[in-house]
Protein backbone atom coordinates (compact mmCIF):
# COMPACT_ATOMS: atom_id res chain seq x y z
CA MET A 1 -83.39 12.03 -71.53
CA SER A 2 -79.60 12.02 -71.16
CA ILE A 3 -77.44 13.05 -74.13
CA LEU A 4 -73.66 12.52 -74.02
CA LEU A 5 -71.21 13.53 -76.74
CA ALA A 6 -67.79 11.83 -76.83
CA ILE A 7 -64.83 13.38 -78.68
CA ASP A 8 -61.28 12.10 -79.14
CA THR A 9 -58.47 13.27 -81.44
CA SER A 10 -55.57 11.37 -79.90
CA ALA A 11 -55.11 9.41 -83.14
CA GLY A 12 -57.65 10.12 -85.87
CA THR A 13 -60.91 11.91 -85.14
CA SER A 14 -63.53 9.94 -83.20
CA VAL A 15 -66.95 11.27 -82.21
CA ALA A 16 -69.96 9.44 -80.79
CA LEU A 17 -73.31 10.38 -79.31
CA PHE A 18 -75.14 8.41 -76.62
CA ARG A 19 -78.82 8.78 -75.79
CA ASP A 20 -79.81 7.43 -72.37
CA GLY A 21 -76.63 5.35 -72.26
CA VAL A 22 -77.15 3.80 -75.70
CA LEU A 23 -74.97 4.56 -78.72
CA ALA A 24 -77.06 6.60 -81.17
CA ALA A 25 -74.43 7.71 -83.71
CA GLU A 26 -70.70 7.39 -84.27
CA LEU A 27 -68.06 8.56 -86.74
CA ASN A 28 -64.41 7.51 -86.72
CA VAL A 29 -61.97 9.10 -89.19
CA THR A 30 -58.55 7.44 -89.35
CA ASP A 31 -56.67 10.39 -90.92
CA ASN A 32 -54.36 11.63 -88.16
CA MET A 33 -53.24 14.80 -89.94
CA LYS A 34 -56.49 16.74 -90.51
CA HIS A 35 -58.12 17.02 -87.10
CA ALA A 36 -58.92 20.72 -87.43
CA GLU A 37 -60.71 20.13 -90.73
CA THR A 38 -62.54 17.04 -89.49
CA VAL A 39 -63.70 17.42 -85.90
CA GLY A 40 -66.38 20.06 -86.46
CA THR A 41 -67.84 18.17 -89.41
CA ALA A 42 -67.80 14.92 -87.41
CA ILE A 43 -69.69 16.52 -84.53
CA VAL A 44 -72.34 17.92 -86.87
CA SER A 45 -72.60 14.51 -88.57
CA VAL A 46 -73.34 12.53 -85.41
CA LEU A 47 -75.78 15.15 -84.13
CA THR A 48 -77.63 15.04 -87.44
CA GLU A 49 -77.67 11.23 -87.60
CA ALA A 50 -79.03 11.02 -84.06
CA GLY A 51 -81.55 13.82 -84.62
CA VAL A 52 -80.16 15.85 -81.72
CA ALA A 53 -79.72 19.63 -81.58
CA ALA A 54 -76.49 21.02 -80.13
CA ARG A 55 -78.38 22.67 -77.26
CA GLU A 56 -79.80 19.27 -76.23
CA VAL A 57 -76.37 17.82 -75.41
CA GLN A 58 -76.05 17.68 -71.63
CA GLU A 59 -72.61 16.18 -71.22
CA ILE A 60 -69.38 16.14 -73.22
CA VAL A 61 -66.42 13.88 -72.56
CA VAL A 62 -63.10 14.37 -74.32
CA GLY A 63 -60.04 12.15 -74.59
CA ARG A 64 -56.98 13.73 -72.95
CA GLY A 65 -54.43 11.55 -74.70
CA PRO A 66 -51.60 10.91 -74.43
CA ALA A 67 -51.01 12.03 -77.99
CA PRO A 68 -48.90 14.42 -80.04
CA PHE A 69 -49.58 18.09 -79.33
CA THR A 70 -51.26 19.25 -82.53
CA GLY A 71 -54.08 16.74 -82.98
CA LEU A 72 -54.90 16.30 -79.31
CA ARG A 73 -55.27 20.01 -78.72
CA VAL A 74 -57.80 20.34 -81.54
CA GLY A 75 -60.20 17.87 -79.92
CA ILE A 76 -59.95 19.46 -76.50
CA ALA A 77 -60.49 22.94 -77.95
CA ALA A 78 -63.54 21.70 -79.86
CA ALA A 79 -64.98 20.12 -76.70
CA VAL A 80 -64.45 23.32 -74.70
CA MET A 81 -66.05 25.44 -77.42
CA PHE A 82 -69.04 23.11 -77.70
CA ALA A 83 -69.52 23.08 -73.92
CA GLU A 84 -69.40 26.87 -73.78
CA GLY A 85 -71.91 27.16 -76.62
CA SER A 86 -74.35 24.53 -75.38
CA GLY A 87 -73.94 24.78 -71.62
CA ALA A 88 -73.10 21.08 -71.41
CA LYS A 89 -71.03 19.65 -68.58
CA LEU A 90 -67.46 18.86 -69.68
CA SER A 91 -65.30 15.96 -68.46
CA GLY A 92 -62.12 14.22 -69.60
CA LEU A 93 -60.55 10.78 -69.54
CA VAL A 94 -57.33 9.06 -70.58
CA SER A 95 -57.61 7.91 -74.19
CA LEU A 96 -55.58 4.74 -73.60
CA ASP A 97 -58.15 3.71 -70.98
CA ALA A 98 -60.86 3.70 -73.65
CA ILE A 99 -58.78 1.40 -75.84
CA ALA A 100 -58.18 -0.84 -72.84
CA LEU A 101 -61.92 -1.05 -72.20
CA SER A 102 -62.54 -2.29 -75.75
CA ALA A 103 -59.73 -4.83 -75.55
CA LEU A 104 -60.69 -6.15 -72.12
CA LYS A 105 -64.32 -6.60 -73.14
CA GLN A 106 -63.28 -8.52 -76.26
CA ARG A 107 -60.67 -10.89 -74.87
CA PRO A 108 -61.62 -14.34 -73.51
CA ALA A 109 -62.12 -14.86 -69.80
CA SER A 110 -59.25 -17.35 -69.83
CA GLU A 111 -56.80 -14.53 -70.66
CA THR A 112 -55.46 -13.26 -67.34
CA ARG A 113 -52.20 -11.64 -68.35
CA PRO A 114 -51.78 -7.88 -67.84
CA LEU A 115 -53.04 -5.90 -70.82
CA LEU A 116 -50.54 -3.64 -72.57
CA VAL A 117 -52.01 -0.80 -74.64
CA THR A 118 -49.68 0.98 -77.04
CA THR A 119 -50.26 3.78 -79.54
CA ASP A 120 -48.02 5.63 -81.96
CA ALA A 121 -46.27 8.58 -80.34
CA ARG A 122 -44.25 9.45 -83.47
CA ARG A 123 -40.51 10.15 -83.21
CA SER A 124 -40.12 6.33 -83.19
CA GLU A 125 -41.77 6.14 -79.77
CA VAL A 126 -44.96 4.67 -78.32
CA TYR A 127 -47.37 5.73 -75.61
CA TRP A 128 -48.18 2.84 -73.32
CA ALA A 129 -50.05 1.77 -70.20
CA LEU A 130 -50.65 -1.50 -68.34
CA TYR A 131 -54.00 -2.77 -67.06
CA SER A 132 -54.93 -5.63 -64.74
CA GLY A 133 -58.57 -5.90 -65.83
CA LEU A 134 -61.99 -4.41 -65.15
CA SER A 135 -63.42 -3.46 -61.78
CA ASP A 136 -66.78 -4.81 -60.64
CA LYS A 137 -68.24 -1.53 -61.92
CA GLY A 138 -66.84 -2.03 -65.41
CA VAL A 139 -64.05 0.53 -65.08
CA VAL A 140 -60.56 -0.30 -66.34
CA ILE A 141 -57.88 -0.80 -63.69
CA ARG A 142 -54.70 0.92 -64.89
CA THR A 143 -51.63 -0.26 -62.98
CA GLU A 144 -48.96 1.77 -64.75
CA GLY A 145 -48.71 4.62 -67.22
CA PRO A 146 -49.44 6.37 -69.37
CA GLN A 147 -45.80 6.87 -70.35
CA VAL A 148 -43.79 7.28 -73.55
CA LEU A 149 -40.79 5.14 -74.55
CA LYS A 150 -38.94 3.72 -77.52
CA PRO A 151 -40.37 0.26 -78.33
CA ALA A 152 -37.06 -1.42 -77.51
CA ALA A 153 -36.91 0.35 -74.16
CA LEU A 154 -40.46 -0.76 -73.37
CA GLU A 155 -39.59 -4.37 -74.20
CA GLU A 156 -36.55 -4.16 -71.93
CA LEU A 157 -38.65 -2.68 -69.13
CA LEU A 158 -41.24 -5.45 -69.33
CA ALA A 159 -38.57 -8.14 -69.53
CA ALA A 160 -36.74 -6.73 -66.51
CA ARG A 161 -39.97 -6.96 -64.51
CA ASN A 162 -40.87 -10.40 -65.88
CA ILE A 163 -44.14 -9.05 -67.25
CA ASP A 164 -45.71 -11.25 -69.92
CA ALA A 165 -48.31 -8.87 -71.28
CA ASP A 166 -51.23 -9.36 -73.62
CA THR A 167 -50.66 -6.55 -76.12
CA THR A 168 -53.47 -4.83 -78.00
CA HIS A 169 -53.19 -2.57 -81.02
CA LEU A 170 -56.86 -1.67 -81.23
CA ALA A 171 -57.71 1.79 -82.50
CA ILE A 172 -59.64 4.15 -80.28
CA THR A 173 -63.30 4.76 -81.15
CA GLY A 174 -65.81 7.37 -80.13
CA ALA A 175 -68.04 4.59 -78.83
CA ALA A 176 -65.31 3.33 -76.49
CA VAL A 177 -64.74 6.84 -75.12
CA GLY A 178 -68.44 7.23 -74.45
CA GLU A 179 -68.81 3.76 -72.92
CA LEU A 180 -65.91 4.39 -70.55
CA ALA A 181 -67.34 7.78 -69.60
CA LEU A 182 -70.67 6.20 -68.73
CA ALA A 183 -68.96 3.53 -66.60
CA LEU A 184 -66.82 6.13 -64.84
CA ARG A 185 -69.83 8.33 -64.18
CA ALA A 186 -71.81 5.42 -62.73
CA ALA A 187 -68.85 4.61 -60.48
CA GLY A 188 -68.48 8.24 -59.41
CA GLN A 189 -65.03 8.43 -61.00
CA LEU A 190 -65.59 10.69 -64.03
CA GLU A 191 -63.36 13.73 -63.61
CA ARG A 192 -63.67 17.31 -64.83
CA ASP A 193 -59.96 17.39 -65.70
CA ILE A 194 -59.51 18.01 -69.44
CA SER A 195 -55.81 18.87 -69.36
CA ALA A 196 -53.91 17.37 -72.29
CA LEU A 197 -51.43 14.55 -71.72
CA TYR A 198 -48.52 15.24 -74.05
CA LEU A 199 -45.77 13.54 -71.99
CA ARG A 200 -43.12 15.47 -73.94
CA ALA A 201 -42.47 18.74 -75.78
CA PRO A 202 -44.81 19.53 -78.71
CA ASP A 203 -44.07 18.46 -82.28
CA ALA A 204 -45.54 21.68 -83.68
CA VAL A 205 -47.18 24.94 -82.71
CA GLU A 206 -50.75 24.77 -81.48
CA PRO A 207 -53.45 25.42 -84.11
CA LYS A 208 -56.72 27.25 -83.78
CA ALA A 209 -59.98 25.33 -84.14
CA SER A 210 -63.48 26.21 -85.23
CA GLY A 211 -66.65 24.22 -84.67
CA VAL A 212 -70.41 23.91 -84.78
CA PHE A 213 -71.09 27.19 -82.98
CA GLY A 214 -69.18 29.20 -85.57
CA LYS A 215 -66.60 30.60 -83.14
CA ARG A 216 -62.86 30.33 -83.17
CA VAL A 217 -61.09 29.30 -79.99
CA SER A 218 -57.47 30.23 -79.62
CA SER A 219 -55.16 28.17 -77.45
């Protein structure tokens, strides 16, 4: 039996657990200011709902952002701590790619424009990336980004390149992170890189996080 735990704190706190490639439990918390207080509880919640012990988790995938420093770092620290405590394999992926996967799977086949994914970067900026579609293995094809720009600057950039994009504002979910991880793994493209994508200087100092194994991990 294969158990995969997906964690993302690039916006709110999103956690999901997959058993043999099927979603078994998921929790998405929209509050984007209390990651440290939420992520450990969310992990325990999905494990309990799925009836899975921490030691049974074989693989963990964590969203690398881009996102503001404080929240993103909490999720990565929690994933590292869980992997160290359980012995699970740890991998990372670009959070915007997970949003793109959800959007591309939902839009009609007649929609062929490039997909533009944007998320709030604070400081009156947005993180963004462009996608051309899905590969034959179900992996998103990112053609540009992730980058960070003012919305007006992004509009000017797209206009200058004559890009008429299909824009999505979907929120990231733990399920999407897990689904993308499974597709990447099947395609041999899931990477061990868990380095955070900040794309600019931090908004605040890095916090410390605690989790289901009762340890504190400093940055």
